[in-house]
Amino acid sequence: MKKVAFLVIALFIGLSVSAQPLSDSIPVYKRFPDLPMFNLVKLPDSTKFTRDDLPGKKPVIIMIFSPDCGHCKHAMHDLLDKYDEWKKAELVLVSSLSYEDIKKFYDEFNLHDYKNIVIGRDESFYLGLYYKVRSYPSIYVYNKKHRLVTEFLGKINPDDLAKELN
């Protein structure tokens, strides 16, 4: 009788553990594919910039980067070289590093020349946690309805990005 009771208890525990939701293993941005709320300090003027400041009915590209990352600089060069292919989208560059470091990146790439590129500091690293960023650059592409289309982690091919925006 003790063996049967033990078996029933073990079976019950096994079923309850296996019945745990798998949602914890699915990143938040995939479970909720709408463009997330965010709060950035925009460069160069240190004004607040949120999701609500983005123009509606335009694709959005979120690029989480580190201003001192060689891969990020390479990706930025590639994106700017193919600017005409994605210029109808809004590019939001996000970093949690210091304002001074981000400003150097902003100046290095003359980002003030591009009306559809916003660069901002995510002081709380909210988007980094939201996307579970593990490598730079991490790029998330949203369509005109601000729904997630795809992601590029670590390396980006601007031609592939342009295809996702059409």
N, C-alpha and C. Protein backbone atom coordinates (compact mmCIF):
# COMPACT_ATOMS: atom_id res chain seq x y z
N MET A 1 0.82 -1.20 0.00
CA MET A 1 0.00 0.00 0.00
C MET A 1 0.86 1.27 0.00
N LYS A 2 1.96 1.22 0.78
CA LYS A 2 2.86 2.37 0.83
C LYS A 2 3.47 2.63 -0.54
N LYS A 3 3.79 1.54 -1.25
CA LYS A 3 4.39 1.69 -2.58
C LYS A 3 3.41 2.33 -3.55
N VAL A 4 2.15 1.97 -3.46
CA VAL A 4 1.12 2.53 -4.33
C VAL A 4 0.93 4.01 -4.02
N ALA A 5 0.87 4.35 -2.73
CA ALA A 5 0.72 5.76 -2.34
C ALA A 5 1.92 6.57 -2.82
N PHE A 6 3.11 6.01 -2.65
CA PHE A 6 4.31 6.71 -3.10
C PHE A 6 4.28 6.91 -4.61
N LEU A 7 3.87 5.89 -5.34
CA LEU A 7 3.79 5.96 -6.80
C LEU A 7 2.78 7.02 -7.24
N VAL A 8 1.63 7.08 -6.58
CA VAL A 8 0.60 8.07 -6.91
C VAL A 8 1.12 9.48 -6.64
N ILE A 9 1.78 9.65 -5.50
CA ILE A 9 2.34 10.98 -5.17
C ILE A 9 3.42 11.37 -6.17
N ALA A 10 4.30 10.44 -6.50
CA ALA A 10 5.37 10.73 -7.47
C ALA A 10 4.78 11.08 -8.84
N LEU A 11 3.75 10.33 -9.24
CA LEU A 11 3.09 10.60 -10.51
C LEU A 11 2.44 11.98 -10.49
N PHE A 12 1.77 12.33 -9.41
CA PHE A 12 1.12 13.63 -9.27
C PHE A 12 2.16 14.77 -9.34
N ILE A 13 3.26 14.61 -8.64
CA ILE A 13 4.32 15.63 -8.67
C ILE A 13 4.90 15.75 -10.07
N GLY A 14 5.13 14.63 -10.71
CA GLY A 14 5.67 14.66 -12.07
C GLY A 14 4.75 15.35 -13.05
N LEU A 15 3.45 15.08 -12.94
CA LEU A 15 2.49 15.73 -13.83
C LEU A 15 2.38 17.22 -13.54
N SER A 16 2.42 17.60 -12.29
CA SER A 16 2.29 19.03 -11.97
C SER A 16 3.52 19.80 -12.42
N VAL A 17 4.70 19.19 -12.35
CA VAL A 17 5.91 19.87 -12.82
C VAL A 17 5.88 20.00 -14.33
N SER A 18 5.47 18.95 -15.02
CA SER A 18 5.45 19.01 -16.49
C SER A 18 4.33 19.91 -17.00
N ALA A 19 3.36 20.20 -16.16
CA ALA A 19 2.25 21.05 -16.58
C ALA A 19 2.56 22.54 -16.40
N GLN A 20 3.76 22.86 -15.91
CA GLN A 20 4.12 24.26 -15.76
C GLN A 20 4.13 24.93 -17.13
N PRO A 21 3.68 26.15 -17.21
CA PRO A 21 3.63 26.81 -18.51
C PRO A 21 5.02 27.04 -19.08
N LEU A 22 5.10 26.92 -20.38
CA LEU A 22 6.37 27.15 -21.06
C LEU A 22 6.59 28.63 -21.38
N SER A 23 5.65 29.47 -20.98
CA SER A 23 5.74 30.88 -21.33
C SER A 23 6.99 31.54 -20.77
N ASP A 24 7.55 31.01 -19.69
CA ASP A 24 8.77 31.59 -19.14
C ASP A 24 9.94 31.42 -20.10
N SER A 25 9.91 30.38 -20.93
CA SER A 25 11.00 30.16 -21.86
C SER A 25 10.82 30.96 -23.15
N ILE A 26 9.64 31.48 -23.37
CA ILE A 26 9.38 32.30 -24.56
C ILE A 26 9.60 33.76 -24.17
N PRO A 27 10.50 34.46 -24.88
CA PRO A 27 10.76 35.86 -24.52
C PRO A 27 9.49 36.71 -24.56
N VAL A 28 9.45 37.70 -23.72
CA VAL A 28 8.28 38.58 -23.60
C VAL A 28 7.92 39.20 -24.94
N TYR A 29 8.93 39.66 -25.69
CA TYR A 29 8.64 40.34 -26.95
C TYR A 29 8.01 39.42 -27.98
N LYS A 30 8.17 38.11 -27.83
CA LYS A 30 7.52 37.18 -28.75
C LYS A 30 6.11 36.84 -28.26
N ARG A 31 5.91 36.86 -26.95
CA ARG A 31 4.57 36.60 -26.41
C ARG A 31 3.66 37.80 -26.64
N PHE A 32 4.24 39.00 -26.62
CA PHE A 32 3.49 40.24 -26.83
C PHE A 32 4.17 41.00 -27.98
N PRO A 33 3.81 40.69 -29.22
CA PRO A 33 4.57 41.18 -30.37
C PRO A 33 4.34 42.65 -30.76
N ASP A 34 3.59 43.40 -29.98
CA ASP A 34 3.42 44.83 -30.27
C ASP A 34 4.65 45.59 -29.78
N LEU A 35 4.92 46.69 -30.42
CA LEU A 35 6.04 47.55 -30.03
C LEU A 35 5.89 47.93 -28.56
N PRO A 36 6.90 47.66 -27.74
CA PRO A 36 6.75 47.91 -26.30
C PRO A 36 6.81 49.40 -25.95
N MET A 37 6.28 49.70 -24.79
CA MET A 37 6.42 51.05 -24.24
C MET A 37 7.89 51.21 -23.84
N PHE A 38 8.41 52.41 -23.98
CA PHE A 38 9.77 52.68 -23.53
C PHE A 38 9.90 54.14 -23.19
N ASN A 39 10.95 54.46 -22.48
CA ASN A 39 11.21 55.82 -22.04
C ASN A 39 12.70 56.08 -22.19
N LEU A 40 13.07 56.88 -23.19
CA LEU A 40 14.47 57.16 -23.48
C LEU A 40 14.80 58.62 -23.24
N VAL A 41 16.07 58.88 -23.00
CA VAL A 41 16.58 60.25 -22.98
C VAL A 41 17.22 60.45 -24.35
N LYS A 42 16.62 61.28 -25.16
CA LYS A 42 17.01 61.47 -26.56
C LYS A 42 18.24 62.36 -26.67
N LEU A 43 19.09 62.02 -27.61
CA LEU A 43 20.24 62.85 -27.92
C LEU A 43 19.92 63.71 -29.12
N PRO A 44 20.48 64.86 -29.25
CA PRO A 44 21.48 65.48 -28.39
C PRO A 44 20.90 66.37 -27.30
N ASP A 45 19.57 66.52 -27.25
CA ASP A 45 18.98 67.56 -26.39
C ASP A 45 18.47 67.06 -25.04
N SER A 46 18.64 65.78 -24.75
CA SER A 46 18.21 65.18 -23.47
C SER A 46 16.71 65.29 -23.20
N THR A 47 15.93 65.34 -24.26
CA THR A 47 14.48 65.36 -24.08
C THR A 47 13.98 63.92 -23.93
N LYS A 48 12.79 63.79 -23.39
CA LYS A 48 12.16 62.48 -23.22
C LYS A 48 11.65 62.00 -24.58
N PHE A 49 11.82 60.72 -24.85
CA PHE A 49 11.32 60.12 -26.08
C PHE A 49 10.67 58.79 -25.73
N THR A 50 9.41 58.61 -26.14
CA THR A 50 8.67 57.39 -25.84
C THR A 50 8.10 56.79 -27.12
N ARG A 51 7.50 55.65 -26.99
CA ARG A 51 6.85 54.99 -28.14
C ARG A 51 5.81 55.92 -28.77
N ASP A 52 5.13 56.69 -27.95
CA ASP A 52 4.09 57.58 -28.45
C ASP A 52 4.63 58.71 -29.32
N ASP A 53 5.92 58.96 -29.26
CA ASP A 53 6.53 60.00 -30.09
C ASP A 53 6.86 59.51 -31.50
N LEU A 54 6.73 58.22 -31.73
CA LEU A 54 6.99 57.67 -33.06
C LEU A 54 5.82 57.98 -33.99
N PRO A 55 6.11 58.27 -35.24
CA PRO A 55 5.01 58.50 -36.18
C PRO A 55 4.24 57.19 -36.42
N GLY A 56 2.95 57.31 -36.54
CA GLY A 56 2.13 56.13 -36.79
C GLY A 56 2.26 55.67 -38.23
N LYS A 57 1.89 54.45 -38.46
CA LYS A 57 1.84 53.85 -39.80
C LYS A 57 3.18 53.88 -40.53
N LYS A 58 4.26 53.77 -39.77
CA LYS A 58 5.60 53.62 -40.34
C LYS A 58 6.27 52.44 -39.66
N PRO A 59 7.02 51.66 -40.42
CA PRO A 59 7.79 50.59 -39.78
C PRO A 59 8.80 51.18 -38.78
N VAL A 60 9.11 50.40 -37.78
CA VAL A 60 10.06 50.83 -36.75
C VAL A 60 11.13 49.76 -36.59
N ILE A 61 12.36 50.22 -36.51
CA ILE A 61 13.50 49.35 -36.26
C ILE A 61 14.09 49.76 -34.91
N ILE A 62 14.14 48.84 -33.98
CA ILE A 62 14.77 49.09 -32.68
C ILE A 62 16.14 48.41 -32.74
N MET A 63 17.19 49.19 -32.51
CA MET A 63 18.54 48.62 -32.48
C MET A 63 19.14 48.89 -31.11
N ILE A 64 19.34 47.83 -30.34
CA ILE A 64 19.99 47.96 -29.05
C ILE A 64 21.47 47.72 -29.29
N PHE A 65 22.28 48.68 -28.85
CA PHE A 65 23.69 48.66 -29.19
C PHE A 65 24.54 49.16 -28.04
N SER A 66 25.83 48.99 -28.22
CA SER A 66 26.81 49.58 -27.31
C SER A 66 27.69 50.48 -28.17
N PRO A 67 27.85 51.74 -27.78
CA PRO A 67 28.60 52.68 -28.61
C PRO A 67 30.06 52.29 -28.84
N ASP A 68 30.61 51.46 -27.98
CA ASP A 68 32.02 51.06 -28.15
C ASP A 68 32.17 49.68 -28.78
N CYS A 69 31.09 49.12 -29.26
CA CYS A 69 31.09 47.79 -29.86
C CYS A 69 31.46 47.87 -31.35
N GLY A 70 32.48 47.14 -31.74
CA GLY A 70 32.90 47.13 -33.14
C GLY A 70 31.83 46.60 -34.07
N HIS A 71 31.10 45.58 -33.65
CA HIS A 71 30.01 45.02 -34.47
C HIS A 71 28.90 46.06 -34.67
N CYS A 72 28.64 46.83 -33.62
CA CYS A 72 27.59 47.86 -33.72
C CYS A 72 28.00 48.96 -34.69
N LYS A 73 29.26 49.34 -34.63
CA LYS A 73 29.76 50.37 -35.55
C LYS A 73 29.71 49.86 -36.99
N HIS A 74 30.09 48.62 -37.17
CA HIS A 74 30.04 48.02 -38.51
C HIS A 74 28.59 47.97 -39.01
N ALA A 75 27.68 47.57 -38.14
CA ALA A 75 26.26 47.51 -38.52
C ALA A 75 25.75 48.90 -38.88
N MET A 76 26.16 49.91 -38.14
CA MET A 76 25.71 51.28 -38.42
C MET A 76 26.24 51.74 -39.77
N HIS A 77 27.51 51.44 -40.07
CA HIS A 77 28.07 51.76 -41.39
C HIS A 77 27.25 51.08 -42.49
N ASP A 78 26.96 49.79 -42.31
CA ASP A 78 26.19 49.04 -43.31
C ASP A 78 24.79 49.64 -43.49
N LEU A 79 24.14 49.97 -42.38
CA LEU A 79 22.80 50.56 -42.47
C LEU A 79 22.82 51.89 -43.19
N LEU A 80 23.78 52.72 -42.88
CA LEU A 80 23.84 54.04 -43.53
C LEU A 80 24.23 53.92 -45.00
N ASP A 81 25.05 52.93 -45.34
CA ASP A 81 25.40 52.70 -46.75
C ASP A 81 24.16 52.31 -47.57
N LYS A 82 23.22 51.62 -46.96
CA LYS A 82 22.00 51.17 -47.64
C LYS A 82 20.78 51.98 -47.18
N TYR A 83 21.01 53.20 -46.77
CA TYR A 83 19.97 54.04 -46.18
C TYR A 83 18.71 54.13 -47.05
N ASP A 84 18.89 54.29 -48.36
CA ASP A 84 17.74 54.45 -49.25
C ASP A 84 16.78 53.25 -49.21
N GLU A 85 17.29 52.09 -48.84
CA GLU A 85 16.47 50.88 -48.82
C GLU A 85 15.55 50.80 -47.59
N TRP A 86 15.85 51.56 -46.55
CA TRP A 86 15.02 51.49 -45.33
C TRP A 86 14.63 52.87 -44.81
N LYS A 87 14.85 53.91 -45.59
CA LYS A 87 14.63 55.27 -45.10
C LYS A 87 13.17 55.60 -44.77
N LYS A 88 12.24 54.79 -45.21
CA LYS A 88 10.83 55.03 -44.87
C LYS A 88 10.47 54.51 -43.49
N ALA A 89 11.40 53.83 -42.84
CA ALA A 89 11.18 53.33 -41.48
C ALA A 89 11.82 54.29 -40.48
N GLU A 90 11.40 54.16 -39.23
CA GLU A 90 12.02 54.89 -38.12
C GLU A 90 13.04 53.97 -37.47
N LEU A 91 14.24 54.45 -37.30
CA LEU A 91 15.28 53.69 -36.61
C LEU A 91 15.49 54.29 -35.23
N VAL A 92 15.29 53.48 -34.21
CA VAL A 92 15.48 53.93 -32.83
C VAL A 92 16.69 53.18 -32.28
N LEU A 93 17.76 53.92 -32.07
CA LEU A 93 18.99 53.36 -31.51
C LEU A 93 18.95 53.52 -30.00
N VAL A 94 19.20 52.43 -29.28
CA VAL A 94 19.05 52.44 -27.82
C VAL A 94 20.30 51.86 -27.17
N SER A 95 20.81 52.60 -26.19
CA SER A 95 21.93 52.13 -25.39
C SER A 95 21.71 52.54 -23.94
N SER A 96 22.29 51.78 -23.03
CA SER A 96 22.17 52.14 -21.62
C SER A 96 23.49 52.70 -21.08
N LEU A 97 24.47 52.83 -21.95
CA LEU A 97 25.75 53.38 -21.50
C LEU A 97 25.62 54.89 -21.27
N SER A 98 26.72 55.51 -20.92
CA SER A 98 26.68 56.92 -20.54
C SER A 98 26.30 57.82 -21.72
N TYR A 99 25.73 58.95 -21.37
CA TYR A 99 25.34 59.94 -22.36
C TYR A 99 26.55 60.32 -23.22
N GLU A 100 27.70 60.50 -22.59
CA GLU A 100 28.91 60.91 -23.31
C GLU A 100 29.32 59.87 -24.35
N ASP A 101 29.26 58.59 -23.99
CA ASP A 101 29.62 57.53 -24.93
C ASP A 101 28.65 57.48 -26.11
N ILE A 102 27.37 57.61 -25.82
CA ILE A 102 26.36 57.60 -26.88
C ILE A 102 26.52 58.82 -27.78
N LYS A 103 26.84 59.95 -27.19
CA LYS A 103 27.03 61.20 -27.95
C LYS A 103 28.19 61.05 -28.93
N LYS A 104 29.26 60.38 -28.54
CA LYS A 104 30.39 60.14 -29.44
C LYS A 104 29.93 59.33 -30.67
N PHE A 105 29.13 58.31 -30.42
CA PHE A 105 28.57 57.48 -31.50
C PHE A 105 27.69 58.34 -32.41
N TYR A 106 26.85 59.14 -31.80
CA TYR A 106 25.95 60.06 -32.52
C TYR A 106 26.75 60.99 -33.44
N ASP A 107 27.81 61.55 -32.91
CA ASP A 107 28.65 62.47 -33.69
C ASP A 107 29.47 61.74 -34.75
N GLU A 108 30.01 60.58 -34.40
CA GLU A 108 30.83 59.80 -35.34
C GLU A 108 30.06 59.47 -36.62
N PHE A 109 28.77 59.18 -36.48
CA PHE A 109 27.97 58.79 -37.64
C PHE A 109 27.09 59.93 -38.17
N ASN A 110 27.29 61.14 -37.64
CA ASN A 110 26.53 62.31 -38.08
C ASN A 110 25.02 62.02 -38.10
N LEU A 111 24.54 61.44 -37.03
CA LEU A 111 23.14 61.03 -36.98
C LEU A 111 22.18 62.21 -36.97
N HIS A 112 22.68 63.39 -36.70
CA HIS A 112 21.83 64.59 -36.76
C HIS A 112 21.35 64.86 -38.18
N ASP A 113 22.00 64.26 -39.17
CA ASP A 113 21.63 64.46 -40.57
C ASP A 113 20.42 63.61 -40.99
N TYR A 114 19.97 62.71 -40.14
CA TYR A 114 18.91 61.77 -40.50
C TYR A 114 17.67 62.03 -39.65
N LYS A 115 16.61 62.47 -40.29
CA LYS A 115 15.37 62.83 -39.57
C LYS A 115 14.65 61.60 -39.00
N ASN A 116 14.86 60.45 -39.59
CA ASN A 116 14.15 59.25 -39.15
C ASN A 116 14.98 58.36 -38.22
N ILE A 117 16.09 58.89 -37.73
CA ILE A 117 16.91 58.14 -36.78
C ILE A 117 16.88 58.88 -35.45
N VAL A 118 16.48 58.14 -34.43
CA VAL A 118 16.47 58.66 -33.07
C VAL A 118 17.45 57.83 -32.27
N ILE A 119 18.27 58.50 -31.49
CA ILE A 119 19.20 57.78 -30.62
C ILE A 119 18.91 58.21 -29.20
N GLY A 120 18.83 57.24 -28.30
CA GLY A 120 18.48 57.57 -26.93
C GLY A 120 19.11 56.65 -25.91
N ARG A 121 19.15 57.15 -24.71
CA ARG A 121 19.70 56.39 -23.59
C ARG A 121 18.56 55.77 -22.80
N ASP A 122 18.65 54.48 -22.62
CA ASP A 122 17.69 53.72 -21.81
C ASP A 122 18.33 53.56 -20.43
N GLU A 123 18.07 54.52 -19.57
CA GLU A 123 18.75 54.59 -18.28
C GLU A 123 18.54 53.35 -17.41
N SER A 124 17.39 52.72 -17.53
CA SER A 124 17.09 51.56 -16.68
C SER A 124 17.36 50.23 -17.39
N PHE A 125 17.83 50.26 -18.63
CA PHE A 125 18.07 49.06 -19.43
C PHE A 125 16.78 48.25 -19.60
N TYR A 126 15.65 48.97 -19.62
CA TYR A 126 14.35 48.32 -19.74
C TYR A 126 14.26 47.49 -21.02
N LEU A 127 14.61 48.09 -22.16
CA LEU A 127 14.48 47.35 -23.42
C LEU A 127 15.46 46.19 -23.49
N GLY A 128 16.63 46.35 -22.92
CA GLY A 128 17.59 45.25 -22.88
C GLY A 128 17.03 44.04 -22.14
N LEU A 129 16.35 44.31 -21.04
CA LEU A 129 15.71 43.23 -20.27
C LEU A 129 14.48 42.69 -21.00
N TYR A 130 13.71 43.58 -21.59
CA TYR A 130 12.50 43.18 -22.32
C TYR A 130 12.85 42.20 -23.44
N TYR A 131 13.92 42.52 -24.18
CA TYR A 131 14.33 41.67 -25.30
C TYR A 131 15.30 40.57 -24.89
N LYS A 132 15.71 40.54 -23.63
CA LYS A 132 16.73 39.58 -23.16
C LYS A 132 17.97 39.64 -24.04
N VAL A 133 18.49 40.84 -24.21
CA VAL A 133 19.64 41.05 -25.08
C VAL A 133 20.85 40.31 -24.54
N ARG A 134 21.47 39.54 -25.44
CA ARG A 134 22.66 38.78 -25.08
C ARG A 134 23.84 39.12 -25.97
N SER A 135 23.58 39.85 -27.06
CA SER A 135 24.66 40.25 -27.95
C SER A 135 24.30 41.57 -28.62
N TYR A 136 25.33 42.27 -29.01
CA TYR A 136 25.15 43.55 -29.70
C TYR A 136 25.64 43.44 -31.13
N PRO A 137 25.01 44.10 -32.06
CA PRO A 137 23.73 44.77 -31.91
C PRO A 137 22.59 43.76 -31.95
N SER A 138 21.49 44.12 -31.32
CA SER A 138 20.26 43.34 -31.39
C SER A 138 19.21 44.23 -32.04
N ILE A 139 18.65 43.76 -33.14
CA ILE A 139 17.76 44.58 -33.95
C ILE A 139 16.41 43.89 -34.06
N TYR A 140 15.36 44.68 -33.82
CA TYR A 140 13.99 44.18 -33.85
C TYR A 140 13.19 45.03 -34.83
N VAL A 141 12.56 44.37 -35.78
CA VAL A 141 11.87 45.05 -36.87
C VAL A 141 10.36 44.92 -36.67
N TYR A 142 9.68 46.06 -36.71
CA TYR A 142 8.23 46.12 -36.55
C TYR A 142 7.62 46.69 -37.83
N ASN A 143 6.47 46.17 -38.21
CA ASN A 143 5.80 46.64 -39.43
C ASN A 143 5.06 47.96 -39.18
N LYS A 144 4.30 48.40 -40.18
CA LYS A 144 3.55 49.67 -40.09
C LYS A 144 2.53 49.68 -38.96
N LYS A 145 2.07 48.50 -38.58
CA LYS A 145 1.10 48.40 -37.47
C LYS A 145 1.81 48.22 -36.13
N HIS A 146 3.13 48.33 -36.16
CA HIS A 146 3.99 48.20 -34.98
C HIS A 146 3.89 46.82 -34.33
N ARG A 147 3.83 45.80 -35.21
CA ARG A 147 3.87 44.40 -34.79
C ARG A 147 5.21 43.81 -35.19
N LEU A 148 5.77 42.99 -34.33
CA LEU A 148 7.08 42.40 -34.58
C LEU A 148 7.07 41.56 -35.85
N VAL A 149 8.08 41.79 -36.70
CA VAL A 149 8.23 41.05 -37.94
C VAL A 149 9.37 40.05 -37.80
N THR A 150 10.52 40.55 -37.36
CA THR A 150 11.69 39.68 -37.24
C THR A 150 12.72 40.33 -36.33
N GLU A 151 13.79 39.59 -36.10
CA GLU A 151 14.90 40.08 -35.29
C GLU A 151 16.21 39.69 -35.96
N PHE A 152 17.23 40.49 -35.71
CA PHE A 152 18.59 40.21 -36.17
C PHE A 152 19.47 40.32 -34.95
N LEU A 153 20.18 39.27 -34.62
CA LEU A 153 20.99 39.28 -33.42
C LEU A 153 22.47 39.16 -33.79
N GLY A 154 23.25 40.14 -33.38
CA GLY A 154 24.69 40.11 -33.60
C GLY A 154 25.12 40.68 -34.93
N LYS A 155 24.55 40.24 -36.00
CA LYS A 155 24.97 40.71 -37.33
C LYS A 155 23.73 40.98 -38.16
N ILE A 156 23.84 42.00 -38.99
CA ILE A 156 22.69 42.33 -39.84
C ILE A 156 23.15 42.48 -41.28
N ASN A 157 22.31 42.00 -42.17
CA ASN A 157 22.51 42.24 -43.58
C ASN A 157 21.44 43.27 -43.97
N PRO A 158 21.84 44.49 -44.34
CA PRO A 158 20.85 45.53 -44.67
C PRO A 158 19.89 45.13 -45.77
N ASP A 159 20.32 44.28 -46.69
CA ASP A 159 19.41 43.81 -47.74
C ASP A 159 18.28 42.96 -47.15
N ASP A 160 18.64 42.11 -46.18
CA ASP A 160 17.61 41.30 -45.50
C ASP A 160 16.66 42.20 -44.71
N LEU A 161 17.20 43.22 -44.09
CA LEU A 161 16.38 44.16 -43.35
C LEU A 161 15.38 44.84 -44.29
N ALA A 162 15.86 45.30 -45.43
CA ALA A 162 14.99 45.98 -46.41
C ALA A 162 13.87 45.06 -46.86
N LYS A 163 14.16 43.77 -47.06
CA LYS A 163 13.13 42.82 -47.47
C LYS A 163 12.04 42.69 -46.42
N GLU A 164 12.42 42.72 -45.16
CA GLU A 164 11.47 42.58 -44.06
C GLU A 164 10.55 43.79 -43.94
N LEU A 165 11.00 44.93 -44.43
CA LEU A 165 10.23 46.16 -44.32
C LEU A 165 9.20 46.31 -45.44
N ASN A 166 9.31 45.52 -46.48
CA ASN A 166 8.38 45.62 -47.62
C ASN A 166 7.21 44.69 -47.47
